[in-house]
Amino acid sequence: LREQAALIRSAGGAIRTLLVLPANADLATLDDIVRAHAPLAPAACIV
């Protein structure tokens, strides 16, 4: 995940991220997913 995030950030901000979330996940799982992808500063989420 860190390697992929570094690859996306290598574009120098040209790439915005959209975080895709599972609608059937529990609160703890969703929180883990959001925290893990927070460094990429998603512009929005797709449920």
All heavy atoms as atom14 arrays in JSON, in Angstrom:
{
  "sequence": "LREQAALIRSAGGAIRTLLVLPANADLATLDDIVRAHAPLAPAACIV",
  "atom14_mask": [
    [1, 1, 1, 1, 1, 1, 1, 1, 0, 0, 0, 0, 0, 0],
    [1, 1, 1, 1, 1, 1, 1, 1, 1, 1, 1, 0, 0, 0],
    [1, 1, 1, 1, 1, 1, 1, 1, 1, 0, 0, 0, 0, 0],
    [1, 1, 1, 1, 1, 1, 1, 1, 1, 0, 0, 0, 0, 0],
    [1, 1, 1, 1, 1, 0, 0, 0, 0, 0, 0, 0, 0, 0],
    [1, 1, 1, 1, 1, 0, 0, 0, 0, 0, 0, 0, 0, 0],
    [1, 1, 1, 1, 1, 1, 1, 1, 0, 0, 0, 0, 0, 0],
    [1, 1, 1, 1, 1, 1, 1, 1, 0, 0, 0, 0, 0, 0],
    [1, 1, 1, 1, 1, 1, 1, 1, 1, 1, 1, 0, 0, 0],
    [1, 1, 1, 1, 1, 1, 0, 0, 0, 0, 0, 0, 0, 0],
    [1, 1, 1, 1, 1, 0, 0, 0, 0, 0, 0, 0, 0, 0],
    [1, 1, 1, 1, 0, 0, 0, 0, 0, 0, 0, 0, 0, 0],
    [1, 1, 1, 1, 0, 0, 0, 0, 0, 0, 0, 0, 0, 0],
    [1, 1, 1, 1, 1, 0, 0, 0, 0, 0, 0, 0, 0, 0],
    [1, 1, 1, 1, 1, 1, 1, 1, 0, 0, 0, 0, 0, 0],
    [1, 1, 1, 1, 1, 1, 1, 1, 1, 1, 1, 0, 0, 0],
    [1, 1, 1, 1, 1, 1, 1, 0, 0, 0, 0, 0, 0, 0],
    [1, 1, 1, 1, 1, 1, 1, 1, 0, 0, 0, 0, 0, 0],
    [1, 1, 1, 1, 1, 1, 1, 1, 0, 0, 0, 0, 0, 0],
    [1, 1, 1, 1, 1, 1, 1, 0, 0, 0, 0, 0, 0, 0],
    [1, 1, 1, 1, 1, 1, 1, 1, 0, 0, 0, 0, 0, 0],
    [1, 1, 1, 1, 1, 1, 1, 0, 0, 0, 0, 0, 0, 0],
    [1, 1, 1, 1, 1, 0, 0, 0, 0, 0, 0, 0, 0, 0],
    [1, 1, 1, 1, 1, 1, 1, 1, 0, 0, 0, 0, 0, 0],
    [1, 1, 1, 1, 1, 0, 0, 0, 0, 0, 0, 0, 0, 0],
    [1, 1, 1, 1, 1, 1, 1, 1, 0, 0, 0, 0, 0, 0],
    [1, 1, 1, 1, 1, 1, 1, 1, 0, 0, 0, 0, 0, 0],
    [1, 1, 1, 1, 1, 0, 0, 0, 0, 0, 0, 0, 0, 0],
    [1, 1, 1, 1, 1, 1, 1, 0, 0, 0, 0, 0, 0, 0],
    [1, 1, 1, 1, 1, 1, 1, 1, 0, 0, 0, 0, 0, 0],
    [1, 1, 1, 1, 1, 1, 1, 1, 0, 0, 0, 0, 0, 0],
    [1, 1, 1, 1, 1, 1, 1, 1, 0, 0, 0, 0, 0, 0],
    [1, 1, 1, 1, 1, 1, 1, 1, 0, 0, 0, 0, 0, 0],
    [1, 1, 1, 1, 1, 1, 1, 0, 0, 0, 0, 0, 0, 0],
    [1, 1, 1, 1, 1, 1, 1, 1, 1, 1, 1, 0, 0, 0],
    [1, 1, 1, 1, 1, 0, 0, 0, 0, 0, 0, 0, 0, 0],
    [1, 1, 1, 1, 1, 1, 1, 1, 1, 1, 0, 0, 0, 0],
    [1, 1, 1, 1, 1, 0, 0, 0, 0, 0, 0, 0, 0, 0],
    [1, 1, 1, 1, 1, 1, 1, 0, 0, 0, 0, 0, 0, 0],
    [1, 1, 1, 1, 1, 1, 1, 1, 0, 0, 0, 0, 0, 0],
    [1, 1, 1, 1, 1, 0, 0, 0, 0, 0, 0, 0, 0, 0],
    [1, 1, 1, 1, 1, 1, 1, 0, 0, 0, 0, 0, 0, 0],
    [1, 1, 1, 1, 1, 0, 0, 0, 0, 0, 0, 0, 0, 0],
    [1, 1, 1, 1, 1, 0, 0, 0, 0, 0, 0, 0, 0, 0],
    [1, 1, 1, 1, 1, 1, 0, 0, 0, 0, 0, 0, 0, 0],
    [1, 1, 1, 1, 1, 1, 1, 1, 0, 0, 0, 0, 0, 0],
    [1, 1, 1, 1, 1, 1, 1, 0, 0, 0, 0, 0, 0, 0]
  ],
  "atom14_positions": [
    [[0.84, -1.2, 0.0], [0.0, 0.0, 0.0], [0.87, 1.25, 0.0], [0.57, 2.22, -0.7], [-0.93, -0.02, 1.22], [-1.88, 1.18, 1.37], [-2.79, 1.3, 0.16], [-2.69, 1.05, 2.65], [0.0, 0.0, 0.0], [0.0, 0.0, 0.0], [0.0, 0.0, 0.0], [0.0, 0.0, 0.0], [0.0, 0.0, 0.0], [0.0, 0.0, 0.0]],
    [[1.97, 1.23, 0.76], [2.88, 2.37, 0.77], [3.56, 2.54, -0.59], [3.73, 3.67, -1.06], [3.93, 2.18, 1.85], [3.38, 2.13, 3.27], [4.51, 1.98, 4.28], [4.01, 1.89, 5.64], [4.78, 1.73, 6.71], [6.1, 1.66, 6.55], [4.25, 1.65, 7.92], [0.0, 0.0, 0.0], [0.0, 0.0, 0.0], [0.0, 0.0, 0.0]],
    [[3.94, 1.42, -1.2], [4.6, 1.5, -2.51], [3.65, 2.11, -3.53], [4.04, 2.94, -4.35], [5.02, 0.1, -2.94], [6.07, -0.55, -2.04], [6.35, -1.97, -2.44], [5.76, -2.44, -3.44], [7.16, -2.63, -1.76], [0.0, 0.0, 0.0], [0.0, 0.0, 0.0], [0.0, 0.0, 0.0], [0.0, 0.0, 0.0], [0.0, 0.0, 0.0]],
    [[2.39, 1.67, -3.5], [1.41, 2.18, -4.46], [1.12, 3.65, -4.2], [0.99, 4.45, -5.14], [0.13, 1.36, -4.36], [-0.88, 1.66, -5.43], [-1.96, 0.6, -5.49], [-2.02, -0.2, -6.41], [-2.81, 0.57, -4.5], [0.0, 0.0, 0.0], [0.0, 0.0, 0.0], [0.0, 0.0, 0.0], [0.0, 0.0, 0.0], [0.0, 0.0, 0.0]],
    [[1.03, 4.04, -2.94], [0.8, 5.45, -2.6], [1.96, 6.31, -3.08], [1.76, 7.42, -3.6], [0.62, 5.6, -1.09], [0.0, 0.0, 0.0], [0.0, 0.0, 0.0], [0.0, 0.0, 0.0], [0.0, 0.0, 0.0], [0.0, 0.0, 0.0], [0.0, 0.0, 0.0], [0.0, 0.0, 0.0], [0.0, 0.0, 0.0], [0.0, 0.0, 0.0]],
    [[3.19, 5.8, -2.93], [4.35, 6.55, -3.4], [4.32, 6.71, -4.91], [4.71, 7.76, -5.45], [5.63, 5.83, -2.96], [0.0, 0.0, 0.0], [0.0, 0.0, 0.0], [0.0, 0.0, 0.0], [0.0, 0.0, 0.0], [0.0, 0.0, 0.0], [0.0, 0.0, 0.0], [0.0, 0.0, 0.0], [0.0, 0.0, 0.0], [0.0, 0.0, 0.0]],
    [[3.85, 5.67, -5.61], [3.76, 5.75, -7.07], [2.75, 6.81, -7.49], [3.0, 7.6, -8.42], [3.37, 4.38, -7.64], [3.22, 4.29, -9.17], [4.5, 4.73, -9.87], [2.85, 2.86, -9.57], [0.0, 0.0, 0.0], [0.0, 0.0, 0.0], [0.0, 0.0, 0.0], [0.0, 0.0, 0.0], [0.0, 0.0, 0.0], [0.0, 0.0, 0.0]],
    [[1.61, 6.87, -6.8], [0.59, 7.87, -7.13], [1.11, 9.27, -6.82], [0.93, 10.21, -7.6], [-0.71, 7.58, -6.35], [-1.33, 6.26, -6.84], [-1.71, 8.73, -6.51], [-2.53, 5.82, -6.04], [0.0, 0.0, 0.0], [0.0, 0.0, 0.0], [0.0, 0.0, 0.0], [0.0, 0.0, 0.0], [0.0, 0.0, 0.0], [0.0, 0.0, 0.0]],
    [[1.78, 9.42, -5.69], [2.3, 10.75, -5.31], [3.44, 11.2, -6.22], [3.72, 12.39, -6.3], [2.77, 10.73, -3.85], [1.64, 10.68, -2.83], [2.16, 11.06, -1.46], [3.12, 10.09, -0.97], [2.82, 9.05, -0.2], [1.57, 8.87, 0.18], [3.76, 8.22, 0.21], [0.0, 0.0, 0.0], [0.0, 0.0, 0.0], [0.0, 0.0, 0.0]],
    [[4.06, 10.25, -6.92], [5.16, 10.63, -7.81], [4.68, 11.49, -8.97], [5.49, 12.14, -9.63], [5.84, 9.36, -8.36], [5.01, 8.68, -9.3], [0.0, 0.0, 0.0], [0.0, 0.0, 0.0], [0.0, 0.0, 0.0], [0.0, 0.0, 0.0], [0.0, 0.0, 0.0], [0.0, 0.0, 0.0], [0.0, 0.0, 0.0], [0.0, 0.0, 0.0]],
    [[3.37, 11.5, -9.2], [2.82, 12.33, -10.28], [2.76, 13.8, -9.89], [2.3, 14.63, -10.68], [1.43, 11.83, -10.68], [0.0, 0.0, 0.0], [0.0, 0.0, 0.0], [0.0, 0.0, 0.0], [0.0, 0.0, 0.0], [0.0, 0.0, 0.0], [0.0, 0.0, 0.0], [0.0, 0.0, 0.0], [0.0, 0.0, 0.0], [0.0, 0.0, 0.0]],
    [[3.18, 14.1, -8.67], [3.26, 15.5, -8.26], [1.93, 16.19, -8.09], [1.8, 17.38, -8.38], [0.0, 0.0, 0.0], [0.0, 0.0, 0.0], [0.0, 0.0, 0.0], [0.0, 0.0, 0.0], [0.0, 0.0, 0.0], [0.0, 0.0, 0.0], [0.0, 0.0, 0.0], [0.0, 0.0, 0.0], [0.0, 0.0, 0.0], [0.0, 0.0, 0.0]],
    [[0.93, 15.48, -7.62], [-0.38, 16.07, -7.39], [-1.28, 16.08, -8.61], [-2.4, 16.6, -8.54], [0.0, 0.0, 0.0], [0.0, 0.0, 0.0], [0.0, 0.0, 0.0], [0.0, 0.0, 0.0], [0.0, 0.0, 0.0], [0.0, 0.0, 0.0], [0.0, 0.0, 0.0], [0.0, 0.0, 0.0], [0.0, 0.0, 0.0], [0.0, 0.0, 0.0]],
    [[-0.81, 15.52, -9.73], [-1.65, 15.5, -10.93], [-2.78, 14.49, -10.81], [-3.79, 14.59, -11.52], [-0.79, 15.16, -12.15], [0.0, 0.0, 0.0], [0.0, 0.0, 0.0], [0.0, 0.0, 0.0], [0.0, 0.0, 0.0], [0.0, 0.0, 0.0], [0.0, 0.0, 0.0], [0.0, 0.0, 0.0], [0.0, 0.0, 0.0], [0.0, 0.0, 0.0]],
    [[-2.63, 13.53, -9.91], [-3.63, 12.48, -9.75], [-4.4, 12.71, -8.46], [-3.82, 12.78, -7.37], [-2.99, 11.08, -9.71], [-2.21, 10.82, -11.0], [-4.04, 10.01, -9.52], [-1.48, 9.48, -10.99], [0.0, 0.0, 0.0], [0.0, 0.0, 0.0], [0.0, 0.0, 0.0], [0.0, 0.0, 0.0], [0.0, 0.0, 0.0], [0.0, 0.0, 0.0]],
    [[-5.72, 12.82, -8.57], [-6.57, 12.85, -7.39], [-7.11, 11.45, -7.14], [-7.31, 10.67, -8.07], [-7.73, 13.83, -7.58], [-7.29, 15.29, -7.52], [-8.47, 16.24, -7.58], [-9.04, 16.29, -8.92], [-10.13, 16.99, -9.23], [-10.78, 17.65, -8.29], [-10.57, 17.01, -10.46], [0.0, 0.0, 0.0], [0.0, 0.0, 0.0], [0.0, 0.0, 0.0]],
    [[-7.35, 11.13, -5.89], [-7.8, 9.78, -5.55], [-9.27, 9.77, -5.14], [-9.77, 10.72, -4.54], [-6.95, 9.18, -4.41], [-7.02, 10.05, -3.27], [-5.51, 9.04, -4.83], [0.0, 0.0, 0.0], [0.0, 0.0, 0.0], [0.0, 0.0, 0.0], [0.0, 0.0, 0.0], [0.0, 0.0, 0.0], [0.0, 0.0, 0.0], [0.0, 0.0, 0.0]],
    [[-9.92, 8.67, -5.48], [-11.28, 8.38, -5.04], [-11.23, 7.08, -4.26], [-10.8, 6.05, -4.79], [-12.23, 8.26, -6.24], [-12.33, 9.48, -7.16], [-13.2, 9.16, -8.37], [-12.92, 10.67, -6.4], [0.0, 0.0, 0.0], [0.0, 0.0, 0.0], [0.0, 0.0, 0.0], [0.0, 0.0, 0.0], [0.0, 0.0, 0.0], [0.0, 0.0, 0.0]],
    [[-11.65, 7.11, -3.02], [-11.59, 5.94, -2.16], [-12.87, 5.12, -2.31], [-13.97, 5.62, -2.07], [-11.4, 6.37, -0.7], [-11.36, 5.26, 0.34], [-10.24, 4.27, 0.04], [-11.2, 5.84, 1.74], [0.0, 0.0, 0.0], [0.0, 0.0, 0.0], [0.0, 0.0, 0.0], [0.0, 0.0, 0.0], [0.0, 0.0, 0.0], [0.0, 0.0, 0.0]],
    [[-12.71, 3.86, -2.71], [-13.86, 2.96, -2.88], [-14.05, 2.17, -1.6], [-13.12, 1.52, -1.1], [-13.63, 2.01, -4.07], [-14.88, 1.16, -4.32], [-13.28, 2.81, -5.33], [0.0, 0.0, 0.0], [0.0, 0.0, 0.0], [0.0, 0.0, 0.0], [0.0, 0.0, 0.0], [0.0, 0.0, 0.0], [0.0, 0.0, 0.0], [0.0, 0.0, 0.0]],
    [[-15.26, 2.23, -1.03], [-15.56, 1.6, 0.25], [-16.64, 0.53, 0.1], [-17.59, 0.7, -0.67], [-16.04, 2.64, 1.26], [-15.04, 3.73, 1.66], [-15.72, 4.77, 2.52], [-13.87, 3.12, 2.4], [0.0, 0.0, 0.0], [0.0, 0.0, 0.0], [0.0, 0.0, 0.0], [0.0, 0.0, 0.0], [0.0, 0.0, 0.0], [0.0, 0.0, 0.0]],
    [[-16.54, -0.56, 0.86], [-17.58, -1.6, 0.83], [-18.78, -1.19, 1.68], [-18.63, -0.87, 2.87], [-16.88, -2.83, 1.41], [-15.82, -2.26, 2.3], [-15.39, -0.96, 1.69], [0.0, 0.0, 0.0], [0.0, 0.0, 0.0], [0.0, 0.0, 0.0], [0.0, 0.0, 0.0], [0.0, 0.0, 0.0], [0.0, 0.0, 0.0], [0.0, 0.0, 0.0]],
    [[-19.97, -1.2, 1.1], [-21.16, -0.78, 1.84], [-21.53, -1.76, 2.94], [-22.25, -1.4, 3.88], [-22.34, -0.63, 0.86], [0.0, 0.0, 0.0], [0.0, 0.0, 0.0], [0.0, 0.0, 0.0], [0.0, 0.0, 0.0], [0.0, 0.0, 0.0], [0.0, 0.0, 0.0], [0.0, 0.0, 0.0], [0.0, 0.0, 0.0], [0.0, 0.0, 0.0]],
    [[-21.05, -3.01, 2.85], [-21.45, -4.01, 3.84], [-20.42, -4.21, 4.94], [-20.52, -5.15, 5.73], [-21.7, -5.36, 3.14], [-20.45, -5.89, 2.45], [-19.5, -5.15, 2.23], [-20.46, -7.15, 2.1], [0.0, 0.0, 0.0], [0.0, 0.0, 0.0], [0.0, 0.0, 0.0], [0.0, 0.0, 0.0], [0.0, 0.0, 0.0], [0.0, 0.0, 0.0]],
    [[-19.42, -3.33, 5.02], [-18.38, -3.47, 6.05], [-18.84, -2.83, 7.35], [-19.66, -1.91, 7.36], [-17.08, -2.83, 5.57], [0.0, 0.0, 0.0], [0.0, 0.0, 0.0], [0.0, 0.0, 0.0], [0.0, 0.0, 0.0], [0.0, 0.0, 0.0], [0.0, 0.0, 0.0], [0.0, 0.0, 0.0], [0.0, 0.0, 0.0], [0.0, 0.0, 0.0]],
    [[-18.29, -3.32, 8.46], [-18.63, -2.73, 9.75], [-17.81, -1.46, 9.98], [-16.9, -1.13, 9.22], [-18.42, -3.73, 10.88], [-16.99, -4.26, 10.94], [-16.05, -3.47, 10.69], [-16.8, -5.46, 11.23], [0.0, 0.0, 0.0], [0.0, 0.0, 0.0], [0.0, 0.0, 0.0], [0.0, 0.0, 0.0], [0.0, 0.0, 0.0], [0.0, 0.0, 0.0]],
    [[-18.17, -0.77, 11.04], [-17.57, 0.54, 11.31], [-16.06, 0.45, 11.52], [-15.31, 1.28, 11.02], [-18.24, 1.16, 12.55], [-17.73, 2.55, 12.97], [-17.95, 3.56, 11.85], [-18.43, 3.0, 14.25], [0.0, 0.0, 0.0], [0.0, 0.0, 0.0], [0.0, 0.0, 0.0], [0.0, 0.0, 0.0], [0.0, 0.0, 0.0], [0.0, 0.0, 0.0]],
    [[-15.61, -0.58, 12.24], [-14.18, -0.71, 12.51], [-13.39, -0.94, 11.23], [-12.32, -0.36, 11.03], [-13.94, -1.87, 13.48], [0.0, 0.0, 0.0], [0.0, 0.0, 0.0], [0.0, 0.0, 0.0], [0.0, 0.0, 0.0], [0.0, 0.0, 0.0], [0.0, 0.0, 0.0], [0.0, 0.0, 0.0], [0.0, 0.0, 0.0], [0.0, 0.0, 0.0]],
    [[-13.93, -1.76, 10.32], [-13.26, -2.03, 9.05], [-13.19, -0.76, 8.2], [-12.15, -0.44, 7.61], [-13.99, -3.13, 8.28], [-14.01, -4.33, 9.07], [-13.3, -3.42, 6.95], [0.0, 0.0, 0.0], [0.0, 0.0, 0.0], [0.0, 0.0, 0.0], [0.0, 0.0, 0.0], [0.0, 0.0, 0.0], [0.0, 0.0, 0.0], [0.0, 0.0, 0.0]],
    [[-14.3, -0.04, 8.12], [-14.31, 1.2, 7.35], [-13.32, 2.21, 7.91], [-12.62, 2.9, 7.17], [-15.72, 1.8, 7.34], [-16.78, 1.03, 6.56], [-18.16, 1.65, 6.8], [-16.46, 1.01, 5.08], [0.0, 0.0, 0.0], [0.0, 0.0, 0.0], [0.0, 0.0, 0.0], [0.0, 0.0, 0.0], [0.0, 0.0, 0.0], [0.0, 0.0, 0.0]],
    [[-13.24, 2.28, 9.22], [-12.31, 3.22, 9.86], [-10.87, 2.85, 9.52], [-10.05, 3.73, 9.23], [-12.52, 3.2, 11.37], [-11.74, 4.29, 12.08], [-11.95, 5.48, 11.76], [-10.9, 3.97, 12.93], [0.0, 0.0, 0.0], [0.0, 0.0, 0.0], [0.0, 0.0, 0.0], [0.0, 0.0, 0.0], [0.0, 0.0, 0.0], [0.0, 0.0, 0.0]],
    [[-10.57, 1.56, 9.51], [-9.21, 1.11, 9.15], [-8.88, 1.48, 7.71], [-7.76, 1.91, 7.41], [-9.09, -0.4, 9.35], [-9.01, -0.8, 10.81], [-8.74, 0.08, 11.65], [-9.24, -1.99, 11.12], [0.0, 0.0, 0.0], [0.0, 0.0, 0.0], [0.0, 0.0, 0.0], [0.0, 0.0, 0.0], [0.0, 0.0, 0.0], [0.0, 0.0, 0.0]],
    [[-9.85, 1.28, 6.81], [-9.62, 1.58, 5.4], [-9.36, 3.08, 5.21], [-8.43, 3.49, 4.49], [-10.81, 1.13, 4.55], [-10.96, -0.4, 4.6], [-10.66, 1.59, 3.1], [-12.24, -0.91, 3.95], [0.0, 0.0, 0.0], [0.0, 0.0, 0.0], [0.0, 0.0, 0.0], [0.0, 0.0, 0.0], [0.0, 0.0, 0.0], [0.0, 0.0, 0.0]],
    [[-10.18, 3.89, 5.84], [-10.04, 5.35, 5.69], [-8.7, 5.82, 6.25], [-8.0, 6.64, 5.64], [-11.2, 6.07, 6.4], [-10.95, 7.58, 6.45], [-12.51, 5.79, 5.67], [0.0, 0.0, 0.0], [0.0, 0.0, 0.0], [0.0, 0.0, 0.0], [0.0, 0.0, 0.0], [0.0, 0.0, 0.0], [0.0, 0.0, 0.0], [0.0, 0.0, 0.0]],
    [[-8.31, 5.31, 7.42], [-7.04, 5.71, 8.02], [-5.86, 5.28, 7.15], [-4.89, 6.03, 6.99], [-6.9, 5.09, 9.41], [-7.83, 5.69, 10.46], [-7.67, 4.98, 11.8], [-8.6, 5.49, 12.79], [-8.37, 6.54, 13.56], [-7.22, 7.19, 13.45], [-9.26, 6.94, 14.44], [0.0, 0.0, 0.0], [0.0, 0.0, 0.0], [0.0, 0.0, 0.0]],
    [[-5.95, 4.07, 6.57], [-4.84, 3.57, 5.75], [-4.63, 4.41, 4.51], [-3.51, 4.58, 4.04], [-5.09, 2.1, 5.38], [0.0, 0.0, 0.0], [0.0, 0.0, 0.0], [0.0, 0.0, 0.0], [0.0, 0.0, 0.0], [0.0, 0.0, 0.0], [0.0, 0.0, 0.0], [0.0, 0.0, 0.0], [0.0, 0.0, 0.0], [0.0, 0.0, 0.0]],
    [[-5.72, 4.93, 3.93], [-5.63, 5.71, 2.7], [-5.63, 7.22, 2.92], [-5.62, 7.98, 1.96], [-6.77, 5.33, 1.76], [-6.69, 3.91, 1.25], [-7.19, 2.85, 1.95], [-6.17, 3.4, 0.12], [-6.99, 1.73, 1.28], [-6.37, 2.04, 0.17], [0.0, 0.0, 0.0], [0.0, 0.0, 0.0], [0.0, 0.0, 0.0], [0.0, 0.0, 0.0]],
    [[-5.65, 7.64, 4.17], [-5.67, 9.07, 4.48], [-4.49, 9.83, 3.89], [-4.65, 10.97, 3.46], [-5.75, 9.29, 5.98], [0.0, 0.0, 0.0], [0.0, 0.0, 0.0], [0.0, 0.0, 0.0], [0.0, 0.0, 0.0], [0.0, 0.0, 0.0], [0.0, 0.0, 0.0], [0.0, 0.0, 0.0], [0.0, 0.0, 0.0], [0.0, 0.0, 0.0]],
    [[-3.26, 9.24, 3.85], [-2.14, 10.0, 3.26], [-2.36, 10.4, 1.81], [-1.72, 11.35, 1.34], [-0.96, 9.01, 3.39], [-1.31, 8.16, 4.56], [-2.79, 7.99, 4.47], [0.0, 0.0, 0.0], [0.0, 0.0, 0.0], [0.0, 0.0, 0.0], [0.0, 0.0, 0.0], [0.0, 0.0, 0.0], [0.0, 0.0, 0.0], [0.0, 0.0, 0.0]],
    [[-3.26, 9.71, 1.1], [-3.53, 10.06, -0.29], [-4.58, 11.16, -0.42], [-4.86, 11.61, -1.53], [-4.01, 8.81, -1.05], [-2.94, 7.76, -1.32], [-3.57, 6.49, -1.89], [-1.88, 8.29, -2.26], [0.0, 0.0, 0.0], [0.0, 0.0, 0.0], [0.0, 0.0, 0.0], [0.0, 0.0, 0.0], [0.0, 0.0, 0.0], [0.0, 0.0, 0.0]],
    [[-5.15, 11.59, 0.72], [-6.13, 12.69, 0.74], [-7.21, 12.51, -0.32], [-7.31, 13.31, -1.27], [-5.42, 14.03, 0.55], [0.0, 0.0, 0.0], [0.0, 0.0, 0.0], [0.0, 0.0, 0.0], [0.0, 0.0, 0.0], [0.0, 0.0, 0.0], [0.0, 0.0, 0.0], [0.0, 0.0, 0.0], [0.0, 0.0, 0.0], [0.0, 0.0, 0.0]],
    [[-8.04, 11.48, -0.22], [-9.08, 11.25, -1.24], [-10.0, 12.46, -1.42], [-10.37, 13.12, -0.45], [-9.86, 10.06, -0.68], [-8.9, 9.36, 0.24], [-8.07, 10.45, 0.83], [0.0, 0.0, 0.0], [0.0, 0.0, 0.0], [0.0, 0.0, 0.0], [0.0, 0.0, 0.0], [0.0, 0.0, 0.0], [0.0, 0.0, 0.0], [0.0, 0.0, 0.0]],
    [[-10.34, 12.73, -2.68], [-11.24, 13.84, -2.98], [-12.68, 13.49, -2.63], [-13.49, 14.37, -2.34], [-11.14, 14.21, -4.46], [0.0, 0.0, 0.0], [0.0, 0.0, 0.0], [0.0, 0.0, 0.0], [0.0, 0.0, 0.0], [0.0, 0.0, 0.0], [0.0, 0.0, 0.0], [0.0, 0.0, 0.0], [0.0, 0.0, 0.0], [0.0, 0.0, 0.0]],
    [[-13.01, 12.19, -2.67], [-14.37, 11.74, -2.36], [-14.32, 10.23, -2.17], [-13.29, 9.58, -2.41], [-15.34, 12.1, -3.49], [0.0, 0.0, 0.0], [0.0, 0.0, 0.0], [0.0, 0.0, 0.0], [0.0, 0.0, 0.0], [0.0, 0.0, 0.0], [0.0, 0.0, 0.0], [0.0, 0.0, 0.0], [0.0, 0.0, 0.0], [0.0, 0.0, 0.0]],
    [[-15.43, 9.68, -1.71], [-15.56, 8.23, -1.56], [-16.65, 7.7, -2.47], [-17.63, 8.4, -2.76], [-15.92, 7.87, -0.1], [-14.62, 8.22, 1.09], [0.0, 0.0, 0.0], [0.0, 0.0, 0.0], [0.0, 0.0, 0.0], [0.0, 0.0, 0.0], [0.0, 0.0, 0.0], [0.0, 0.0, 0.0], [0.0, 0.0, 0.0], [0.0, 0.0, 0.0]],
    [[-16.45, 6.47, -2.94], [-17.47, 5.78, -3.72], [-17.87, 4.55, -2.91], [-17.03, 3.71, -2.61], [-16.94, 5.35, -5.11], [-16.51, 6.58, -5.91], [-17.99, 4.55, -5.87], [-15.87, 6.23, -7.24], [0.0, 0.0, 0.0], [0.0, 0.0, 0.0], [0.0, 0.0, 0.0], [0.0, 0.0, 0.0], [0.0, 0.0, 0.0], [0.0, 0.0, 0.0]],
    [[-19.12, 4.47, -2.53], [-19.59, 3.36, -1.69], [-20.13, 2.27, -2.59], [-21.04, 2.51, -3.38], [-20.68, 3.84, -0.71], [-21.12, 2.68, 0.18], [-20.13, 4.98, 0.16], [0.0, 0.0, 0.0], [0.0, 0.0, 0.0], [0.0, 0.0, 0.0], [0.0, 0.0, 0.0], [0.0, 0.0, 0.0], [0.0, 0.0, 0.0], [0.0, 0.0, 0.0]]
  ]
}
